Amino acid sequence: MKVILQTSRLYLREFQIDDAQSMFNLNNDFDVIKYTGNKPFNSVDEAKDFLLNYNDYTKNSFGRWAVIDKETHKFLGWCGLKLNEEGFVDIGFRFFKNNWNKGYATEAAKACLEYGFKKLEIKEIIGRAAKENVASIRVLEKLGMHYFKSDKCYGINDAVYYRITPE
């Protein structure tokens, strides 16, 4: 198991094949993927194939990471950085509904931003959310990100873009 980051309550590690059931369950909750532009996995095997083919760690030296509760060792969701289709480094997060409103997204995303700026020396990180996704926009703002445009993005016709630099 490769742990990448730790916070007071969480650790973030690379995805593992054993995460297939959790990833399947996460992406099969309509409320969780409602604003993402993603479709649910059709099966646990499809989630497993996604994990087997997930190459962001080797391709970019970063990626989305499993967020694990330090106390219970339970998979809470994921958070991390991604080089997106527009060439931006993007912060993203997705958590099971029973983990919403507990500060996990903000806590994990703050650690990811710090890692991106200090360890990877990234000069700018963006966050994107559907305009209707008020909770995710609130997280982006808590991270100190600032709105810079509205546009379409992967599967979302009406998205807002936020950004932050190391300063």
C-alpha atoms as a PDB file:
ATOM      1  CA  MET A   1       0.000   0.000   0.000  1.00  0.00           C
ATOM      2  CA  LYS A   2       1.469   3.332  -1.065  1.00  0.00           C
ATOM      3  CA  VAL A   3       0.363   6.151   1.254  1.00  0.00           C
ATOM      4  CA  ILE A   4       0.876   9.530  -0.412  1.00  0.00           C
ATOM      5  CA  LEU A   5      -0.491  12.006   2.144  1.00  0.00           C
ATOM      6  CA  GLN A   6      -1.771  12.136   5.703  1.00  0.00           C
ATOM      7  CA  THR A   7      -3.915  14.581   7.616  1.00  0.00           C
ATOM      8  CA  SER A   8      -5.037  14.404  11.228  1.00  0.00           C
ATOM      9  CA  ARG A   9      -7.977  12.100  10.365  1.00  0.00           C
ATOM     10  CA  LEU A  10      -7.166  10.700   6.932  1.00  0.00           C
ATOM     11  CA  TYR A  11      -4.580   9.120   4.759  1.00  0.00           C
ATOM     12  CA  LEU A  12      -4.589   9.211   0.987  1.00  0.00           C
ATOM     13  CA  ARG A  13      -3.149   6.274  -0.897  1.00  0.00           C
ATOM     14  CA  GLU A  14      -2.977   5.006  -4.436  1.00  0.00           C
ATOM     15  CA  PHE A  15      -5.988   3.046  -5.641  1.00  0.00           C
ATOM     16  CA  GLN A  16      -5.805  -0.746  -5.300  1.00  0.00           C
ATOM     17  CA  ILE A  17      -7.742  -3.500  -7.075  1.00  0.00           C
ATOM     18  CA  ASP A  18      -9.422  -4.189  -3.724  1.00  0.00           C
ATOM     19  CA  ASP A  19     -11.117  -0.780  -4.091  1.00  0.00           C
ATOM     20  CA  ALA A  20     -13.282  -2.039  -6.980  1.00  0.00           C
ATOM     21  CA  GLN A  21     -16.396  -2.687  -4.865  1.00  0.00           C
ATOM     22  CA  SER A  22     -16.098   0.707  -3.137  1.00  0.00           C
ATOM     23  CA  MET A  23     -15.581   2.502  -6.452  1.00  0.00           C
ATOM     24  CA  PHE A  24     -18.555   0.660  -7.948  1.00  0.00           C
ATOM     25  CA  ASN A  25     -20.763   1.623  -4.989  1.00  0.00           C
ATOM     26  CA  LEU A  26     -19.561   5.238  -5.021  1.00  0.00           C
ATOM     27  CA  ASN A  27     -20.240   5.743  -8.729  1.00  0.00           C
ATOM     28  CA  ASN A  28     -23.593   4.006  -8.543  1.00  0.00           C
ATOM     29  CA  ASP A  29     -25.124   6.538  -6.178  1.00  0.00           C
ATOM     30  CA  PHE A  30     -27.002   9.033  -8.340  1.00  0.00           C
ATOM     31  CA  ASP A  31     -26.614  11.808  -5.770  1.00  0.00           C
ATOM     32  CA  VAL A  32     -22.823  11.323  -5.711  1.00  0.00           C
ATOM     33  CA  ILE A  33     -22.356  11.523  -9.496  1.00  0.00           C
ATOM     34  CA  LYS A  34     -25.267  13.866 -10.218  1.00  0.00           C
ATOM     35  CA  TYR A  35     -23.041  16.841 -11.109  1.00  0.00           C
ATOM     36  CA  THR A  36     -19.936  15.028 -12.369  1.00  0.00           C
ATOM     37  CA  GLY A  37     -20.706  14.194 -15.977  1.00  0.00           C
ATOM     38  CA  ASN A  38     -19.707  10.583 -15.205  1.00  0.00           C
ATOM     39  CA  LYS A  39     -21.835   7.517 -15.725  1.00  0.00           C
ATOM     40  CA  PRO A  40     -22.104   4.730 -13.164  1.00  0.00           C
ATOM     41  CA  PHE A  41     -20.018   1.601 -13.586  1.00  0.00           C
ATOM     42  CA  ASN A  42     -22.081  -1.259 -15.034  1.00  0.00           C
ATOM     43  CA  SER A  43     -20.468  -3.826 -12.741  1.00  0.00           C
ATOM     44  CA  VAL A  44     -17.765  -4.350 -10.138  1.00  0.00           C
ATOM     45  CA  ASP A  45     -15.690  -5.869 -12.958  1.00  0.00           C
ATOM     46  CA  GLU A  46     -15.944  -2.603 -14.885  1.00  0.00           C
ATOM     47  CA  ALA A  47     -14.735  -0.715 -11.793  1.00  0.00           C
ATOM     48  CA  LYS A  48     -11.893  -3.247 -11.487  1.00  0.00           C
ATOM     49  CA  ASP A  49     -10.956  -2.659 -15.149  1.00  0.00           C
ATOM     50  CA  PHE A  50     -10.913   1.091 -14.478  1.00  0.00           C
ATOM     51  CA  LEU A  51      -8.510   0.547 -11.580  1.00  0.00           C
ATOM     52  CA  LEU A  52      -6.312  -1.868 -13.552  1.00  0.00           C
ATOM     53  CA  ASN A  53      -5.999   0.687 -16.359  1.00  0.00           C
ATOM     54  CA  TYR A  54      -5.610   3.773 -14.159  1.00  0.00           C
ATOM     55  CA  ASN A  55      -2.168   5.048 -15.191  1.00  0.00           C
ATOM     56  CA  ASP A  56      -2.079   8.642 -13.892  1.00  0.00           C
ATOM     57  CA  TYR A  57       0.440   7.750 -11.157  1.00  0.00           C
ATOM     58  CA  THR A  58       3.050   6.598 -13.669  1.00  0.00           C
ATOM     59  CA  LYS A  59       2.119   9.041 -16.424  1.00  0.00           C
ATOM     60  CA  ASN A  60       1.919  12.240 -14.315  1.00  0.00           C
ATOM     61  CA  SER A  61       3.451  11.353 -10.901  1.00  0.00           C
ATOM     62  CA  PHE A  62       0.081  12.168  -9.307  1.00  0.00           C
ATOM     63  CA  GLY A  63      -3.564  11.246  -9.595  1.00  0.00           C
ATOM     64  CA  ARG A  64      -6.770  10.675  -7.702  1.00  0.00           C
ATOM     65  CA  TRP A  65      -6.147   8.855  -4.411  1.00  0.00           C
ATOM     66  CA  ALA A  66      -8.319   6.747  -2.139  1.00  0.00           C
ATOM     67  CA  VAL A  67      -9.251   8.636   1.041  1.00  0.00           C
ATOM     68  CA  ILE A  68      -9.118   6.351   4.056  1.00  0.00           C
ATOM     69  CA  ASP A  69     -10.234   7.031   7.632  1.00  0.00           C
ATOM     70  CA  LYS A  70      -7.153   6.557   9.843  1.00  0.00           C
ATOM     71  CA  GLU A  71      -9.189   5.200  12.737  1.00  0.00           C
ATOM     72  CA  THR A  72     -11.478   2.733  10.939  1.00  0.00           C
ATOM     73  CA  HIS A  73      -9.383   2.162   7.764  1.00  0.00           C
ATOM     74  CA  LYS A  74     -12.631   2.612   5.821  1.00  0.00           C
ATOM     75  CA  PHE A  75     -12.673   3.867   2.205  1.00  0.00           C
ATOM     76  CA  LEU A  76     -14.501   7.222   2.401  1.00  0.00           C
ATOM     77  CA  GLY A  77     -14.133   8.328  -1.215  1.00  0.00           C
ATOM     78  CA  TRP A  78     -11.341   9.792  -3.296  1.00  0.00           C
ATOM     79  CA  CYS A  79      -9.506  13.071  -3.764  1.00  0.00           C
ATOM     80  CA  GLY A  80      -6.529  14.177  -5.769  1.00  0.00           C
ATOM     81  CA  LEU A  81      -4.969  15.894  -8.720  1.00  0.00           C
ATOM     82  CA  LYS A  82      -5.438  15.153 -12.407  1.00  0.00           C
ATOM     83  CA  LEU A  83      -3.999  16.540 -15.613  1.00  0.00           C
ATOM     84  CA  ASN A  84      -7.276  17.219 -17.391  1.00  0.00           C
ATOM     85  CA  GLU A  85      -8.212  17.289 -21.065  1.00  0.00           C
ATOM     86  CA  GLU A  86      -7.573  21.057 -21.234  1.00  0.00           C
ATOM     87  CA  GLY A  87      -4.019  20.772 -19.893  1.00  0.00           C
ATOM     88  CA  PHE A  88      -4.833  22.136 -16.419  1.00  0.00           C
ATOM     89  CA  VAL A  89      -3.967  20.341 -13.187  1.00  0.00           C
ATOM     90  CA  ASP A  90      -7.368  19.843 -11.591  1.00  0.00           C
ATOM     91  CA  ILE A  91      -8.299  19.108  -7.967  1.00  0.00           C
ATOM     92  CA  GLY A  92     -11.202  16.702  -7.629  1.00  0.00           C
ATOM     93  CA  PHE A  93     -13.004  14.833  -4.887  1.00  0.00           C
ATOM     94  CA  ARG A  94     -15.882  12.411  -4.472  1.00  0.00           C
ATOM     95  CA  PHE A  95     -17.195  10.950  -1.233  1.00  0.00           C
ATOM     96  CA  PHE A  96     -19.970   8.623  -0.134  1.00  0.00           C
ATOM     97  CA  LYS A  97     -23.047  10.592   0.999  1.00  0.00           C
ATOM     98  CA  ASN A  98     -22.677   9.466   4.613  1.00  0.00           C
ATOM     99  CA  ASN A  99     -19.304  11.267   4.588  1.00  0.00           C
ATOM    100  CA  TRP A 100     -20.647  14.595   3.322  1.00  0.00           C
ATOM    101  CA  ASN A 101     -20.590  17.656   5.602  1.00  0.00           C
ATOM    102  CA  LYS A 102     -17.832  16.260   7.818  1.00  0.00           C
ATOM    103  CA  GLY A 103     -14.985  18.327   6.364  1.00  0.00           C
ATOM    104  CA  TYR A 104     -13.313  15.370   4.637  1.00  0.00           C
ATOM    105  CA  ALA A 105     -13.320  16.932   1.156  1.00  0.00           C
ATOM    106  CA  THR A 106     -11.782  20.175   2.398  1.00  0.00           C
ATOM    107  CA  GLU A 107      -9.240  18.375   4.602  1.00  0.00           C
ATOM    108  CA  ALA A 108      -8.130  15.977   1.856  1.00  0.00           C
ATOM    109  CA  ALA A 109      -8.112  18.647  -0.869  1.00  0.00           C
ATOM    110  CA  LYS A 110      -6.000  21.032   1.251  1.00  0.00           C
ATOM    111  CA  ALA A 111      -3.402  18.291   1.652  1.00  0.00           C
ATOM    112  CA  CYS A 112      -3.483  17.637  -2.102  1.00  0.00           C
ATOM    113  CA  LEU A 113      -2.990  21.327  -2.913  1.00  0.00           C
ATOM    114  CA  GLU A 114      -0.040  21.560  -0.526  1.00  0.00           C
ATOM    115  CA  TYR A 115       1.480  18.416  -2.054  1.00  0.00           C
ATOM    116  CA  GLY A 116       0.949  19.773  -5.558  1.00  0.00           C
ATOM    117  CA  PHE A 117       2.554  23.124  -4.821  1.00  0.00           C
ATOM    118  CA  LYS A 118       5.400  22.084  -2.496  1.00  0.00           C
ATOM    119  CA  LYS A 119       6.387  18.601  -3.669  1.00  0.00           C
ATOM    120  CA  LEU A 120       5.379  18.680  -7.345  1.00  0.00           C
ATOM    121  CA  GLU A 121       6.029  22.424  -7.831  1.00  0.00           C
ATOM    122  CA  ILE A 122       2.821  22.921  -9.790  1.00  0.00           C
ATOM    123  CA  LYS A 123       2.268  26.615 -10.573  1.00  0.00           C
ATOM    124  CA  GLU A 124      -1.543  26.624 -10.731  1.00  0.00           C
ATOM    125  CA  ILE A 125      -4.317  24.199  -9.756  1.00  0.00           C
ATOM    126  CA  ILE A 126      -7.905  24.565 -10.882  1.00  0.00           C
ATOM    127  CA  GLY A 127     -11.183  23.185  -9.633  1.00  0.00           C
ATOM    128  CA  ARG A 128     -14.290  22.720 -11.722  1.00  0.00           C
ATOM    129  CA  ALA A 129     -17.863  22.132 -10.624  1.00  0.00           C
ATOM    130  CA  ALA A 130     -21.331  22.239 -12.095  1.00  0.00           C
ATOM    131  CA  LYS A 131     -22.869  25.626 -11.340  1.00  0.00           C
ATOM    132  CA  GLU A 132     -25.658  23.861  -9.397  1.00  0.00           C
ATOM    133  CA  ASN A 133     -23.183  21.945  -7.214  1.00  0.00           C
ATOM    134  CA  VAL A 134     -23.143  24.472  -4.390  1.00  0.00           C
ATOM    135  CA  ALA A 135     -21.449  22.102  -1.909  1.00  0.00           C
ATOM    136  CA  SER A 136     -18.426  21.488  -4.159  1.00  0.00           C
ATOM    137  CA  ILE A 137     -18.154  25.191  -4.984  1.00  0.00           C
ATOM    138  CA  ARG A 138     -18.141  25.917  -1.259  1.00  0.00           C
ATOM    139  CA  VAL A 139     -15.228  23.474  -0.819  1.00  0.00           C
ATOM    140  CA  LEU A 140     -13.286  25.174  -3.641  1.00  0.00           C
ATOM    141  CA  GLU A 141     -13.822  28.543  -1.965  1.00  0.00           C
ATOM    142  CA  LYS A 142     -12.753  27.166   1.455  1.00  0.00           C
ATOM    143  CA  LEU A 143      -9.528  26.063  -0.234  1.00  0.00           C
ATOM    144  CA  GLY A 144      -8.853  29.702  -1.163  1.00  0.00           C
ATOM    145  CA  MET A 145      -9.618  29.196  -4.846  1.00  0.00           C
ATOM    146  CA  HIS A 146     -11.051  32.055  -6.885  1.00  0.00           C
ATOM    147  CA  TYR A 147     -13.602  31.969  -9.702  1.00  0.00           C
ATOM    148  CA  PHE A 148     -12.142  32.748 -13.122  1.00  0.00           C
ATOM    149  CA  LYS A 149     -14.634  31.574 -15.746  1.00  0.00           C
ATOM    150  CA  SER A 150     -17.750  29.663 -16.681  1.00  0.00           C
ATOM    151  CA  ASP A 151     -17.516  27.132 -19.480  1.00  0.00           C
ATOM    152  CA  LYS A 152     -18.367  23.587 -20.501  1.00  0.00           C
ATOM    153  CA  CYS A 153     -16.217  20.798 -19.163  1.00  0.00           C
ATOM    154  CA  TYR A 154     -16.243  17.027 -19.429  1.00  0.00           C
ATOM    155  CA  GLY A 155     -19.941  16.117 -19.386  1.00  0.00           C
ATOM    156  CA  ILE A 156     -21.040  19.360 -17.691  1.00  0.00           C
ATOM    157  CA  ASN A 157     -22.606  22.072 -19.852  1.00  0.00           C
ATOM    158  CA  ASP A 158     -22.658  24.807 -17.218  1.00  0.00           C
ATOM    159  CA  ALA A 159     -19.478  24.577 -15.127  1.00  0.00           C
ATOM    160  CA  VAL A 160     -17.638  27.140 -13.056  1.00  0.00           C
ATOM    161  CA  TYR A 161     -13.846  27.184 -12.930  1.00  0.00           C
ATOM    162  CA  TYR A 162     -11.826  28.189  -9.878  1.00  0.00           C
ATOM    163  CA  ARG A 163      -8.052  28.445  -9.527  1.00  0.00           C
ATOM    164  CA  ILE A 164      -5.289  28.923  -6.999  1.00  0.00           C
ATOM    165  CA  THR A 165      -1.523  29.469  -7.169  1.00  0.00           C
ATOM    166  CA  PRO A 166       1.091  28.752  -4.491  1.00  0.00           C
ATOM    167  CA  GLU A 167       1.041  32.378  -3.314  1.00  0.00           C
END
